[in-house]
Amino acid sequence: SIVVTVLTSFTIGFLLFLFFLFFRERLA
């Protein structure tokens, strides 16, 4: 359960990481 939860949360976090890294000041 630890492995599944960590991987699921990390996948969502990685997608958000790419999103905010790409849009940068445009989100402001």
PDB file of all heavy atoms in Angstrom:
ATOM      1  N   SER A   1       0.834  -1.212   0.000  1.00  0.00           N
ATOM      2  CA  SER A   1       0.000   0.000   0.000  1.00  0.00           C
ATOM      3  C   SER A   1       0.869   1.262   0.000  1.00  0.00           C
ATOM      4  O   SER A   1       0.523   2.262  -0.645  1.00  0.00           O
ATOM      5  CB  SER A   1      -0.938   0.001   1.212  1.00  0.00           C
ATOM      6  OG  SER A   1      -0.226   0.217   2.416  1.00  0.00           O
ATOM      7  N   ILE A   2       2.015   1.203   0.692  1.00  0.00           N
ATOM      8  CA  ILE A   2       2.938   2.342   0.705  1.00  0.00           C
ATOM      9  C   ILE A   2       3.472   2.607  -0.705  1.00  0.00           C
ATOM     10  O   ILE A   2       3.472   3.751  -1.178  1.00  0.00           O
ATOM     11  CB  ILE A   2       4.111   2.097   1.679  1.00  0.00           C
ATOM     12  CG1 ILE A   2       3.606   2.020   3.119  1.00  0.00           C
ATOM     13  CG2 ILE A   2       5.163   3.198   1.554  1.00  0.00           C
ATOM     14  CD1 ILE A   2       4.638   1.506   4.102  1.00  0.00           C
ATOM     15  N   VAL A   3       3.899   1.537  -1.379  1.00  0.00           N
ATOM     16  CA  VAL A   3       4.458   1.684  -2.735  1.00  0.00           C
ATOM     17  C   VAL A   3       3.428   2.264  -3.690  1.00  0.00           C
ATOM     18  O   VAL A   3       3.706   3.208  -4.445  1.00  0.00           O
ATOM     19  CB  VAL A   3       4.958   0.312  -3.256  1.00  0.00           C
ATOM     20  CG1 VAL A   3       5.373   0.418  -4.720  1.00  0.00           C
ATOM     21  CG2 VAL A   3       6.131  -0.179  -2.420  1.00  0.00           C
ATOM     22  N   VAL A   4       2.197   1.741  -3.654  1.00  0.00           N
ATOM     23  CA  VAL A   4       1.136   2.199  -4.571  1.00  0.00           C
ATOM     24  C   VAL A   4       0.785   3.663  -4.302  1.00  0.00           C
ATOM     25  O   VAL A   4       0.669   4.469  -5.233  1.00  0.00           O
ATOM     26  CB  VAL A   4      -0.115   1.305  -4.439  1.00  0.00           C
ATOM     27  CG1 VAL A   4      -1.294   1.906  -5.224  1.00  0.00           C
ATOM     28  CG2 VAL A   4       0.175  -0.100  -4.946  1.00  0.00           C
ATOM     29  N   THR A   5       0.646   4.032  -3.025  1.00  0.00           N
ATOM     30  CA  THR A   5       0.271   5.409  -2.683  1.00  0.00           C
ATOM     31  C   THR A   5       1.375   6.398  -3.044  1.00  0.00           C
ATOM     32  O   THR A   5       1.104   7.463  -3.602  1.00  0.00           O
ATOM     33  CB  THR A   5      -0.056   5.519  -1.177  1.00  0.00           C
ATOM     34  OG1 THR A   5      -0.997   4.518  -0.816  1.00  0.00           O
ATOM     35  CG2 THR A   5      -0.652   6.885  -0.848  1.00  0.00           C
ATOM     36  N   VAL A   6       2.626   6.042  -2.739  1.00  0.00           N
ATOM     37  CA  VAL A   6       3.750   6.930  -3.065  1.00  0.00           C
ATOM     38  C   VAL A   6       3.855   7.126  -4.573  1.00  0.00           C
ATOM     39  O   VAL A   6       4.012   8.262  -5.053  1.00  0.00           O
ATOM     40  CB  VAL A   6       5.080   6.374  -2.500  1.00  0.00           C
ATOM     41  CG1 VAL A   6       6.263   7.136  -3.080  1.00  0.00           C
ATOM     42  CG2 VAL A   6       5.100   6.484  -0.980  1.00  0.00           C
ATOM     43  N   LEU A   7       3.772   6.052  -5.347  1.00  0.00           N
ATOM     44  CA  LEU A   7       3.895   6.153  -6.807  1.00  0.00           C
ATOM     45  C   LEU A   7       2.743   6.958  -7.411  1.00  0.00           C
ATOM     46  O   LEU A   7       2.947   7.755  -8.332  1.00  0.00           O
ATOM     47  CB  LEU A   7       3.956   4.761  -7.433  1.00  0.00           C
ATOM     48  CG  LEU A   7       5.257   3.975  -7.203  1.00  0.00           C
ATOM     49  CD1 LEU A   7       5.168   2.585  -7.820  1.00  0.00           C
ATOM     50  CD2 LEU A   7       6.457   4.730  -7.769  1.00  0.00           C
ATOM     51  N   THR A   8       1.528   6.756  -6.905  1.00  0.00           N
ATOM     52  CA  THR A   8       0.375   7.510  -7.416  1.00  0.00           C
ATOM     53  C   THR A   8       0.528   9.002  -7.131  1.00  0.00           C
ATOM     54  O   THR A   8       0.345   9.845  -8.019  1.00  0.00           O
ATOM     55  CB  THR A   8      -0.930   6.994  -6.781  1.00  0.00           C
ATOM     56  OG1 THR A   8      -1.047   5.588  -6.999  1.00  0.00           O
ATOM     57  CG2 THR A   8      -2.140   7.698  -7.374  1.00  0.00           C
ATOM     58  N   SER A   9       0.863   9.314  -5.885  1.00  0.00           N
ATOM     59  CA  SER A   9       1.034  10.719  -5.502  1.00  0.00           C
ATOM     60  C   SER A   9       2.196  11.359  -6.260  1.00  0.00           C
ATOM     61  O   SER A   9       2.108  12.508  -6.718  1.00  0.00           O
ATOM     62  CB  SER A   9       1.273  10.815  -3.994  1.00  0.00           C
ATOM     63  OG  SER A   9       1.374  12.155  -3.586  1.00  0.00           O
ATOM     64  N   PHE A  10       3.295  10.619  -6.413  1.00  0.00           N
ATOM     65  CA  PHE A  10       4.467  11.148  -7.124  1.00  0.00           C
ATOM     66  C   PHE A  10       4.151  11.409  -8.597  1.00  0.00           C
ATOM     67  O   PHE A  10       4.609  12.409  -9.168  1.00  0.00           O
ATOM     68  CB  PHE A  10       5.635  10.165  -7.017  1.00  0.00           C
ATOM     69  CG  PHE A  10       6.873  10.627  -7.754  1.00  0.00           C
ATOM     70  CD1 PHE A  10       7.699  11.599  -7.205  1.00  0.00           C
ATOM     71  CD2 PHE A  10       7.196  10.092  -8.996  1.00  0.00           C
ATOM     72  CE1 PHE A  10       8.832  12.035  -7.892  1.00  0.00           C
ATOM     73  CE2 PHE A  10       8.330  10.512  -9.683  1.00  0.00           C
ATOM     74  CZ  PHE A  10       9.143  11.491  -9.128  1.00  0.00           C
ATOM     75  N   THR A  11       3.364  10.543  -9.217  1.00  0.00           N
ATOM     76  CA  THR A  11       2.988  10.734 -10.623  1.00  0.00           C
ATOM     77  C   THR A  11       2.208  12.036 -10.810  1.00  0.00           C
ATOM     78  O   THR A  11       2.484  12.827 -11.721  1.00  0.00           O
ATOM     79  CB  THR A  11       2.142   9.547 -11.125  1.00  0.00           C
ATOM     80  OG1 THR A  11       2.900   8.343 -10.978  1.00  0.00           O
ATOM     81  CG2 THR A  11       1.750   9.732 -12.582  1.00  0.00           C
ATOM     82  N   ILE A  12       1.234  12.264  -9.924  1.00  0.00           N
ATOM     83  CA  ILE A  12       0.455  13.513  -9.980  1.00  0.00           C
ATOM     84  C   ILE A  12       1.368  14.712  -9.715  1.00  0.00           C
ATOM     85  O   ILE A  12       1.301  15.743 -10.406  1.00  0.00           O
ATOM     86  CB  ILE A  12      -0.703  13.473  -8.963  1.00  0.00           C
ATOM     87  CG1 ILE A  12      -1.709  12.394  -9.373  1.00  0.00           C
ATOM     88  CG2 ILE A  12      -1.389  14.835  -8.858  1.00  0.00           C
ATOM     89  CD1 ILE A  12      -2.782  12.130  -8.347  1.00  0.00           C
ATOM     90  N   GLY A  13       2.259  14.581  -8.735  1.00  0.00           N
ATOM     91  CA  GLY A  13       3.193  15.662  -8.413  1.00  0.00           C
ATOM     92  C   GLY A  13       4.133  15.976  -9.563  1.00  0.00           C
ATOM     93  O   GLY A  13       4.444  17.144  -9.827  1.00  0.00           O
ATOM     94  N   PHE A  14       4.586  14.938 -10.268  1.00  0.00           N
ATOM     95  CA  PHE A  14       5.506  15.138 -11.396  1.00  0.00           C
ATOM     96  C   PHE A  14       4.816  15.870 -12.548  1.00  0.00           C
ATOM     97  O   PHE A  14       5.422  16.739 -13.191  1.00  0.00           O
ATOM     98  CB  PHE A  14       6.047  13.791 -11.873  1.00  0.00           C
ATOM     99  CG  PHE A  14       7.087  13.905 -12.954  1.00  0.00           C
ATOM    100  CD1 PHE A  14       8.352  14.401 -12.671  1.00  0.00           C
ATOM    101  CD2 PHE A  14       6.792  13.525 -14.258  1.00  0.00           C
ATOM    102  CE1 PHE A  14       9.317  14.521 -13.671  1.00  0.00           C
ATOM    103  CE2 PHE A  14       7.748  13.631 -15.262  1.00  0.00           C
ATOM    104  CZ  PHE A  14       9.010  14.136 -14.960  1.00  0.00           C
ATOM    105  N   LEU A  15       3.556  15.548 -12.813  1.00  0.00           N
ATOM    106  CA  LEU A  15       2.795  16.243 -13.859  1.00  0.00           C
ATOM    107  C   LEU A  15       2.610  17.717 -13.505  1.00  0.00           C
ATOM    108  O   LEU A  15       2.750  18.603 -14.361  1.00  0.00           O
ATOM    109  CB  LEU A  15       1.437  15.563 -14.066  1.00  0.00           C
ATOM    110  CG  LEU A  15       1.473  14.141 -14.659  1.00  0.00           C
ATOM    111  CD1 LEU A  15       0.082  13.531 -14.673  1.00  0.00           C
ATOM    112  CD2 LEU A  15       2.063  14.158 -16.066  1.00  0.00           C
ATOM    113  N   LEU A  16       2.303  17.984 -12.233  1.00  0.00           N
ATOM    114  CA  LEU A  16       2.166  19.381 -11.787  1.00  0.00           C
ATOM    115  C   LEU A  16       3.512  20.099 -11.824  1.00  0.00           C
ATOM    116  O   LEU A  16       3.583  21.298 -12.130  1.00  0.00           O
ATOM    117  CB  LEU A  16       1.576  19.418 -10.373  1.00  0.00           C
ATOM    118  CG  LEU A  16       0.113  18.972 -10.246  1.00  0.00           C
ATOM    119  CD1 LEU A  16      -0.282  18.871  -8.780  1.00  0.00           C
ATOM    120  CD2 LEU A  16      -0.806  19.942 -10.973  1.00  0.00           C
ATOM    121  N   PHE A  17       4.583  19.394 -11.503  1.00  0.00           N
ATOM    122  CA  PHE A  17       5.940  19.932 -11.580  1.00  0.00           C
ATOM    123  C   PHE A  17       6.230  20.435 -13.002  1.00  0.00           C
ATOM    124  O   PHE A  17       6.707  21.557 -13.200  1.00  0.00           O
ATOM    125  CB  PHE A  17       6.932  18.843 -11.172  1.00  0.00           C
ATOM    126  CG  PHE A  17       8.365  19.111 -11.532  1.00  0.00           C
ATOM    127  CD1 PHE A  17       9.153  19.944 -10.759  1.00  0.00           C
ATOM    128  CD2 PHE A  17       8.928  18.512 -12.659  1.00  0.00           C
ATOM    129  CE1 PHE A  17      10.482  20.186 -11.092  1.00  0.00           C
ATOM    130  CE2 PHE A  17      10.256  18.749 -13.005  1.00  0.00           C
ATOM    131  CZ  PHE A  17      11.031  19.591 -12.216  1.00  0.00           C
ATOM    132  N   LEU A  18       5.934  19.626 -13.999  1.00  0.00           N
ATOM    133  CA  LEU A  18       6.145  20.015 -15.397  1.00  0.00           C
ATOM    134  C   LEU A  18       5.246  21.186 -15.794  1.00  0.00           C
ATOM    135  O   LEU A  18       5.673  22.109 -16.501  1.00  0.00           O
ATOM    136  CB  LEU A  18       5.885  18.826 -16.320  1.00  0.00           C
ATOM    137  CG  LEU A  18       6.843  17.626 -16.186  1.00  0.00           C
ATOM    138  CD1 LEU A  18       6.394  16.485 -17.084  1.00  0.00           C
ATOM    139  CD2 LEU A  18       8.286  18.039 -16.509  1.00  0.00           C
ATOM    140  N   PHE A  19       3.999  21.156 -15.324  1.00  0.00           N
ATOM    141  CA  PHE A  19       3.034  22.213 -15.661  1.00  0.00           C
ATOM    142  C   PHE A  19       3.505  23.577 -15.175  1.00  0.00           C
ATOM    143  O   PHE A  19       3.539  24.550 -15.935  1.00  0.00           O
ATOM    144  CB  PHE A  19       1.672  21.858 -15.049  1.00  0.00           C
ATOM    145  CG  PHE A  19       0.607  22.894 -15.281  1.00  0.00           C
ATOM    146  CD1 PHE A  19      -0.086  22.933 -16.477  1.00  0.00           C
ATOM    147  CD2 PHE A  19       0.305  23.823 -14.292  1.00  0.00           C
ATOM    148  CE1 PHE A  19      -1.070  23.892 -16.693  1.00  0.00           C
ATOM    149  CE2 PHE A  19      -0.679  24.780 -14.494  1.00  0.00           C
ATOM    150  CZ  PHE A  19      -1.371  24.816 -15.702  1.00  0.00           C
ATOM    151  N   PHE A  20       3.877  23.664 -13.897  1.00  0.00           N
ATOM    152  CA  PHE A  20       4.285  24.958 -13.334  1.00  0.00           C
ATOM    153  C   PHE A  20       5.665  25.384 -13.829  1.00  0.00           C
ATOM    154  O   PHE A  20       5.956  26.581 -13.907  1.00  0.00           O
ATOM    155  CB  PHE A  20       4.253  24.898 -11.803  1.00  0.00           C
ATOM    156  CG  PHE A  20       2.859  24.866 -11.241  1.00  0.00           C
ATOM    157  CD1 PHE A  20       2.348  23.703 -10.678  1.00  0.00           C
ATOM    158  CD2 PHE A  20       2.049  25.986 -11.306  1.00  0.00           C
ATOM    159  CE1 PHE A  20       1.061  23.669 -10.178  1.00  0.00           C
ATOM    160  CE2 PHE A  20       0.749  25.956 -10.802  1.00  0.00           C
ATOM    161  CZ  PHE A  20       0.261  24.794 -10.242  1.00  0.00           C
ATOM    162  N   LEU A  21       6.501  24.426 -14.175  1.00  0.00           N
ATOM    163  CA  LEU A  21       7.808  24.755 -14.727  1.00  0.00           C
ATOM    164  C   LEU A  21       7.671  25.343 -16.132  1.00  0.00           C
ATOM    165  O   LEU A  21       8.446  26.217 -16.536  1.00  0.00           O
ATOM    166  CB  LEU A  21       8.680  23.498 -14.771  1.00  0.00           C
ATOM    167  CG  LEU A  21      10.190  23.683 -14.888  1.00  0.00           C
ATOM    168  CD1 LEU A  21      10.742  24.467 -13.698  1.00  0.00           C
ATOM    169  CD2 LEU A  21      10.879  22.327 -14.979  1.00  0.00           C
ATOM    170  N   PHE A  22       6.673  24.887 -16.867  1.00  0.00           N
ATOM    171  CA  PHE A  22       6.474  25.339 -18.243  1.00  0.00           C
ATOM    172  C   PHE A  22       5.784  26.709 -18.289  1.00  0.00           C
ATOM    173  O   PHE A  22       6.201  27.599 -19.025  1.00  0.00           O
ATOM    174  CB  PHE A  22       5.639  24.312 -19.020  1.00  0.00           C
ATOM    175  CG  PHE A  22       5.301  24.736 -20.417  1.00  0.00           C
ATOM    176  CD1 PHE A  22       6.263  24.702 -21.424  1.00  0.00           C
ATOM    177  CD2 PHE A  22       4.027  25.186 -20.727  1.00  0.00           C
ATOM    178  CE1 PHE A  22       5.949  25.103 -22.721  1.00  0.00           C
ATOM    179  CE2 PHE A  22       3.703  25.590 -22.012  1.00  0.00           C
ATOM    180  CZ  PHE A  22       4.665  25.548 -23.012  1.00  0.00           C
ATOM    181  N   PHE A  23       4.730  26.916 -17.485  1.00  0.00           N
ATOM    182  CA  PHE A  23       3.950  28.149 -17.581  1.00  0.00           C
ATOM    183  C   PHE A  23       4.565  29.323 -16.815  1.00  0.00           C
ATOM    184  O   PHE A  23       4.317  30.477 -17.145  1.00  0.00           O
ATOM    185  CB  PHE A  23       2.516  27.905 -17.102  1.00  0.00           C
ATOM    186  CG  PHE A  23       1.666  27.195 -18.113  1.00  0.00           C
ATOM    187  CD1 PHE A  23       1.449  25.827 -18.015  1.00  0.00           C
ATOM    188  CD2 PHE A  23       1.111  27.874 -19.170  1.00  0.00           C
ATOM    189  CE1 PHE A  23       0.682  25.160 -18.948  1.00  0.00           C
ATOM    190  CE2 PHE A  23       0.335  27.223 -20.119  1.00  0.00           C
ATOM    191  CZ  PHE A  23       0.114  25.854 -20.003  1.00  0.00           C
ATOM    192  N   ARG A  24       5.319  29.049 -15.767  1.00  0.00           N
ATOM    193  CA  ARG A  24       6.088  30.063 -15.047  1.00  0.00           C
ATOM    194  C   ARG A  24       5.294  31.347 -14.780  1.00  0.00           C
ATOM    195  O   ARG A  24       4.213  31.306 -14.187  1.00  0.00           O
ATOM    196  CB  ARG A  24       7.405  30.350 -15.780  1.00  0.00           C
ATOM    197  CG  ARG A  24       8.318  29.123 -15.864  1.00  0.00           C
ATOM    198  CD  ARG A  24       9.494  29.360 -16.776  1.00  0.00           C
ATOM    199  NE  ARG A  24      10.424  30.310 -16.185  1.00  0.00           N
ATOM    200  CZ  ARG A  24      11.458  29.963 -15.419  1.00  0.00           C
ATOM    201  NH1 ARG A  24      11.679  28.698 -15.144  1.00  0.00           N
ATOM    202  NH2 ARG A  24      12.263  30.875 -14.922  1.00  0.00           N
ATOM    203  N   GLU A  25       5.809  32.525 -15.264  1.00  0.00           N
ATOM    204  CA  GLU A  25       5.191  33.823 -14.931  1.00  0.00           C
ATOM    205  C   GLU A  25       3.806  34.008 -15.548  1.00  0.00           C
ATOM    206  O   GLU A  25       3.038  34.855 -15.096  1.00  0.00           O
ATOM    207  CB  GLU A  25       6.095  34.988 -15.346  1.00  0.00           C
ATOM    208  CG  GLU A  25       6.254  35.187 -16.850  1.00  0.00           C
ATOM    209  CD  GLU A  25       7.372  34.314 -17.415  1.00  0.00           C
ATOM    210  OE1 GLU A  25       8.014  33.589 -16.636  1.00  0.00           O
ATOM    211  OE2 GLU A  25       7.590  34.381 -18.630  1.00  0.00           O
ATOM    212  N   ARG A  26       3.457  33.214 -16.568  1.00  0.00           N
ATOM    213  CA  ARG A  26       2.141  33.358 -17.190  1.00  0.00           C
ATOM    214  C   ARG A  26       1.021  33.056 -16.195  1.00  0.00           C
ATOM    215  O   ARG A  26      -0.074  33.622 -16.296  1.00  0.00           O
ATOM    216  CB  ARG A  26       2.031  32.427 -18.407  1.00  0.00           C
ATOM    217  CG  ARG A  26       2.668  33.001 -19.665  1.00  0.00           C
ATOM    218  CD  ARG A  26       2.812  31.976 -20.761  1.00  0.00           C
ATOM    219  NE  ARG A  26       3.940  31.082 -20.512  1.00  0.00           N
ATOM    220  CZ  ARG A  26       4.388  30.180 -21.377  1.00  0.00           C
ATOM    221  NH1 ARG A  26       3.782  30.041 -22.553  1.00  0.00           N
ATOM    222  NH2 ARG A  26       5.418  29.419 -21.094  1.00  0.00           N
ATOM    223  N   LEU A  27       1.283  32.168 -15.246  1.00  0.00           N
ATOM    224  CA  LEU A  27       0.282  31.869 -14.215  1.00  0.00           C
ATOM    225  C   LEU A  27       0.071  33.040 -13.256  1.00  0.00           C
ATOM    226  O   LEU A  27      -1.004  33.195 -12.686  1.00  0.00           O
ATOM    227  CB  LEU A  27       0.715  30.638 -13.418  1.00  0.00           C
ATOM    228  CG  LEU A  27       0.600  29.286 -14.125  1.00  0.00           C
ATOM    229  CD1 LEU A  27       1.291  28.219 -13.310  1.00  0.00           C
ATOM    230  CD2 LEU A  27      -0.853  28.926 -14.344  1.00  0.00           C
ATOM    231  N   ALA A  28       1.105  33.864 -13.093  1.00  0.00           N
ATOM    232  CA  ALA A  28       1.027  34.966 -12.136  1.00  0.00           C
ATOM    233  C   ALA A  28      -0.037  35.984 -12.516  1.00  0.00           C
ATOM    234  O   ALA A  28      -0.622  36.647 -11.648  1.00  0.00           O
ATOM    235  CB  ALA A  28       2.380  35.655 -12.020  1.00  0.00           C
TER     236      ALA A  28
END
